[in-house]
Amino acid sequence: MSDPNEIRALKASLGGAIDTAAALEALQPKVEAFDERGDVSQEDLDELARVTSAHAIASAALRGLVDTMIARRSAPTA
């Protein structure tokens, strides 16, 4: 039997992962423009750390939810 709360959580979790992926993608032009012989500013490193951390957390939350859904469906029914 489906759980509407679980489906809503799945939609929200996927949305969070997609949003953070978009924020990560938005940094690509900046990173591509870095001078390979230069250095990366502390501000740029801080921004990369913030965005990559947010994406990692959102992705891990989505994966955890999916794993829980799989386990629930695999559990023997009484």
N, C-alpha and C. Protein backbone atom coordinates (compact mmCIF):
# COMPACT_ATOMS: atom_id res chain seq x y z
N MET A 1 0.85 -1.18 0.00
CA MET A 1 0.00 0.00 0.00
C MET A 1 0.90 1.24 0.00
N SER A 2 0.55 2.19 -0.81
CA SER A 2 1.36 3.40 -0.90
C SER A 2 1.10 4.30 0.29
N ASP A 3 2.09 5.11 0.60
CA ASP A 3 2.02 6.06 1.71
C ASP A 3 2.14 7.46 1.12
N PRO A 4 1.05 8.24 1.16
CA PRO A 4 1.10 9.59 0.57
C PRO A 4 2.20 10.47 1.17
N ASN A 5 2.46 10.32 2.47
CA ASN A 5 3.53 11.12 3.10
C ASN A 5 4.89 10.73 2.53
N GLU A 6 5.06 9.43 2.28
CA GLU A 6 6.32 8.96 1.72
C GLU A 6 6.52 9.52 0.31
N ILE A 7 5.46 9.54 -0.46
CA ILE A 7 5.55 10.08 -1.83
C ILE A 7 5.83 11.58 -1.79
N ARG A 8 5.18 12.30 -0.88
CA ARG A 8 5.46 13.73 -0.74
C ARG A 8 6.91 13.96 -0.32
N ALA A 9 7.40 13.14 0.59
CA ALA A 9 8.80 13.26 1.03
C ALA A 9 9.75 12.98 -0.13
N LEU A 10 9.42 11.98 -0.95
CA LEU A 10 10.24 11.66 -2.11
C LEU A 10 10.29 12.83 -3.09
N LYS A 11 9.15 13.43 -3.35
CA LYS A 11 9.09 14.58 -4.26
C LYS A 11 9.90 15.75 -3.71
N ALA A 12 9.76 16.02 -2.42
CA ALA A 12 10.50 17.13 -1.81
C ALA A 12 12.00 16.85 -1.80
N SER A 13 12.36 15.62 -1.50
CA SER A 13 13.77 15.27 -1.45
C SER A 13 14.41 15.35 -2.83
N LEU A 14 13.71 14.87 -3.84
CA LEU A 14 14.22 14.97 -5.20
C LEU A 14 14.34 16.43 -5.61
N GLY A 15 13.35 17.23 -5.25
CA GLY A 15 13.41 18.66 -5.56
C GLY A 15 14.61 19.34 -4.92
N GLY A 16 14.91 18.97 -3.68
CA GLY A 16 16.07 19.54 -3.00
C GLY A 16 17.37 19.16 -3.70
N ALA A 17 17.47 17.90 -4.11
CA ALA A 17 18.69 17.46 -4.81
C ALA A 17 18.84 18.16 -6.16
N ILE A 18 17.74 18.34 -6.85
CA ILE A 18 17.78 19.02 -8.15
C ILE A 18 18.14 20.50 -7.96
N ASP A 19 17.58 21.13 -6.94
CA ASP A 19 17.90 22.54 -6.68
C ASP A 19 19.38 22.73 -6.37
N THR A 20 19.94 21.83 -5.55
CA THR A 20 21.35 21.98 -5.21
C THR A 20 22.24 21.63 -6.39
N ALA A 21 21.77 20.72 -7.25
CA ALA A 21 22.53 20.41 -8.47
C ALA A 21 22.56 21.64 -9.39
N ALA A 22 21.45 22.36 -9.44
CA ALA A 22 21.41 23.58 -10.26
C ALA A 22 22.38 24.63 -9.70
N ALA A 23 22.45 24.74 -8.39
CA ALA A 23 23.38 25.69 -7.78
C ALA A 23 24.83 25.29 -8.09
N LEU A 24 25.09 24.01 -8.09
CA LEU A 24 26.42 23.51 -8.43
C LEU A 24 26.73 23.79 -9.90
N GLU A 25 25.76 23.53 -10.76
CA GLU A 25 25.95 23.78 -12.19
C GLU A 25 26.19 25.27 -12.47
N ALA A 26 25.56 26.13 -11.69
CA ALA A 26 25.73 27.57 -11.88
C ALA A 26 27.17 28.01 -11.61
N LEU A 27 27.91 27.22 -10.85
CA LEU A 27 29.31 27.56 -10.57
C LEU A 27 30.26 27.12 -11.69
N GLN A 28 29.79 26.30 -12.60
CA GLN A 28 30.67 25.76 -13.63
C GLN A 28 31.37 26.84 -14.45
N PRO A 29 30.68 27.86 -14.94
CA PRO A 29 31.40 28.89 -15.73
C PRO A 29 32.52 29.56 -14.93
N LYS A 30 32.26 29.81 -13.65
CA LYS A 30 33.28 30.43 -12.80
C LYS A 30 34.50 29.52 -12.66
N VAL A 31 34.24 28.23 -12.40
CA VAL A 31 35.35 27.28 -12.24
C VAL A 31 36.10 27.10 -13.56
N GLU A 32 35.37 27.02 -14.65
CA GLU A 32 36.02 26.87 -15.97
C GLU A 32 36.89 28.07 -16.30
N ALA A 33 36.55 29.22 -15.75
CA ALA A 33 37.31 30.45 -16.04
C ALA A 33 38.55 30.61 -15.16
N PHE A 34 38.73 29.76 -14.16
CA PHE A 34 39.91 29.86 -13.31
C PHE A 34 41.17 29.69 -14.15
N ASP A 35 42.14 30.52 -13.85
CA ASP A 35 43.45 30.43 -14.50
C ASP A 35 44.20 29.24 -13.90
N GLU A 36 44.59 28.31 -14.73
CA GLU A 36 45.27 27.11 -14.25
C GLU A 36 46.62 27.41 -13.60
N ARG A 37 47.18 28.56 -13.91
CA ARG A 37 48.44 28.96 -13.30
C ARG A 37 48.23 29.88 -12.10
N GLY A 38 47.00 30.19 -11.84
CA GLY A 38 46.68 31.09 -10.74
C GLY A 38 46.22 30.33 -9.52
N ASP A 39 45.64 31.06 -8.61
CA ASP A 39 45.14 30.47 -7.37
C ASP A 39 43.64 30.74 -7.29
N VAL A 40 42.97 29.96 -6.50
CA VAL A 40 41.53 30.13 -6.29
C VAL A 40 41.36 30.94 -5.01
N SER A 41 40.53 31.96 -5.08
CA SER A 41 40.35 32.82 -3.91
C SER A 41 39.64 32.07 -2.78
N GLN A 42 39.85 32.57 -1.58
CA GLN A 42 39.19 31.98 -0.41
C GLN A 42 37.67 32.09 -0.56
N GLU A 43 37.22 33.20 -1.09
CA GLU A 43 35.78 33.40 -1.30
C GLU A 43 35.21 32.34 -2.24
N ASP A 44 35.92 32.07 -3.34
CA ASP A 44 35.47 31.04 -4.28
C ASP A 44 35.50 29.65 -3.64
N LEU A 45 36.54 29.37 -2.88
CA LEU A 45 36.62 28.07 -2.19
C LEU A 45 35.49 27.92 -1.18
N ASP A 46 35.18 28.99 -0.45
CA ASP A 46 34.09 28.96 0.52
C ASP A 46 32.75 28.69 -0.18
N GLU A 47 32.55 29.34 -1.32
CA GLU A 47 31.31 29.14 -2.07
C GLU A 47 31.22 27.70 -2.59
N LEU A 48 32.32 27.18 -3.12
CA LEU A 48 32.34 25.79 -3.58
C LEU A 48 32.08 24.82 -2.44
N ALA A 49 32.67 25.08 -1.28
CA ALA A 49 32.45 24.21 -0.12
C ALA A 49 30.98 24.24 0.30
N ARG A 50 30.39 25.42 0.33
CA ARG A 50 28.99 25.55 0.74
C ARG A 50 28.07 24.83 -0.22
N VAL A 51 28.25 25.06 -1.52
CA VAL A 51 27.36 24.48 -2.52
C VAL A 51 27.55 22.96 -2.63
N THR A 52 28.79 22.50 -2.59
CA THR A 52 29.00 21.06 -2.69
C THR A 52 28.51 20.34 -1.44
N SER A 53 28.65 20.97 -0.28
CA SER A 53 28.11 20.36 0.95
C SER A 53 26.59 20.26 0.90
N ALA A 54 25.95 21.32 0.46
CA ALA A 54 24.48 21.29 0.34
C ALA A 54 24.04 20.20 -0.62
N HIS A 55 24.75 20.05 -1.72
CA HIS A 55 24.38 19.02 -2.69
C HIS A 55 24.62 17.62 -2.13
N ALA A 56 25.71 17.44 -1.44
CA ALA A 56 26.00 16.13 -0.84
C ALA A 56 24.93 15.75 0.19
N ILE A 57 24.53 16.71 1.01
CA ILE A 57 23.52 16.44 2.03
C ILE A 57 22.17 16.12 1.38
N ALA A 58 21.79 16.92 0.39
CA ALA A 58 20.51 16.68 -0.29
C ALA A 58 20.50 15.33 -1.01
N SER A 59 21.60 15.00 -1.65
CA SER A 59 21.70 13.72 -2.36
C SER A 59 21.67 12.55 -1.38
N ALA A 60 22.36 12.69 -0.26
CA ALA A 60 22.37 11.63 0.75
C ALA A 60 20.98 11.45 1.36
N ALA A 61 20.27 12.54 1.58
CA ALA A 61 18.91 12.45 2.11
C ALA A 61 18.00 11.72 1.13
N LEU A 62 18.11 12.04 -0.14
CA LEU A 62 17.31 11.36 -1.16
C LEU A 62 17.66 9.88 -1.19
N ARG A 63 18.94 9.56 -1.19
CA ARG A 63 19.36 8.16 -1.22
C ARG A 63 18.86 7.41 0.01
N GLY A 64 18.94 8.04 1.16
CA GLY A 64 18.45 7.41 2.38
C GLY A 64 16.97 7.11 2.32
N LEU A 65 16.20 8.04 1.79
CA LEU A 65 14.76 7.82 1.65
C LEU A 65 14.48 6.69 0.68
N VAL A 66 15.16 6.68 -0.44
CA VAL A 66 14.97 5.61 -1.43
C VAL A 66 15.34 4.26 -0.81
N ASP A 67 16.45 4.20 -0.09
CA ASP A 67 16.84 2.95 0.57
C ASP A 67 15.78 2.49 1.56
N THR A 68 15.20 3.42 2.31
CA THR A 68 14.15 3.09 3.26
C THR A 68 12.91 2.56 2.54
N MET A 69 12.58 3.18 1.43
CA MET A 69 11.42 2.72 0.65
C MET A 69 11.66 1.31 0.11
N ILE A 70 12.87 1.05 -0.37
CA ILE A 70 13.20 -0.28 -0.88
C ILE A 70 13.12 -1.30 0.25
N ALA A 71 13.69 -0.97 1.39
CA ALA A 71 13.68 -1.90 2.53
C ALA A 71 12.26 -2.19 3.00
N ARG A 72 11.43 -1.17 3.03
CA ARG A 72 10.04 -1.36 3.46
C ARG A 72 9.30 -2.29 2.51
N ARG A 73 9.57 -2.16 1.24
CA ARG A 73 8.90 -3.02 0.26
C ARG A 73 9.45 -4.44 0.28
N SER A 74 10.68 -4.59 0.71
CA SER A 74 11.32 -5.91 0.76
C SER A 74 11.00 -6.67 2.04
N ALA A 75 10.50 -5.94 3.05
CA ALA A 75 10.22 -6.57 4.34
C ALA A 75 9.06 -7.56 4.21
N PRO A 76 9.16 -8.68 4.92
CA PRO A 76 8.07 -9.64 4.87
C PRO A 76 6.80 -9.04 5.49
N THR A 77 5.69 -9.36 4.92
CA THR A 77 4.41 -8.86 5.46
C THR A 77 3.85 -9.87 6.42
N ALA A 78 3.18 -9.37 7.44
CA ALA A 78 2.63 -10.27 8.47
C ALA A 78 1.25 -10.72 8.12
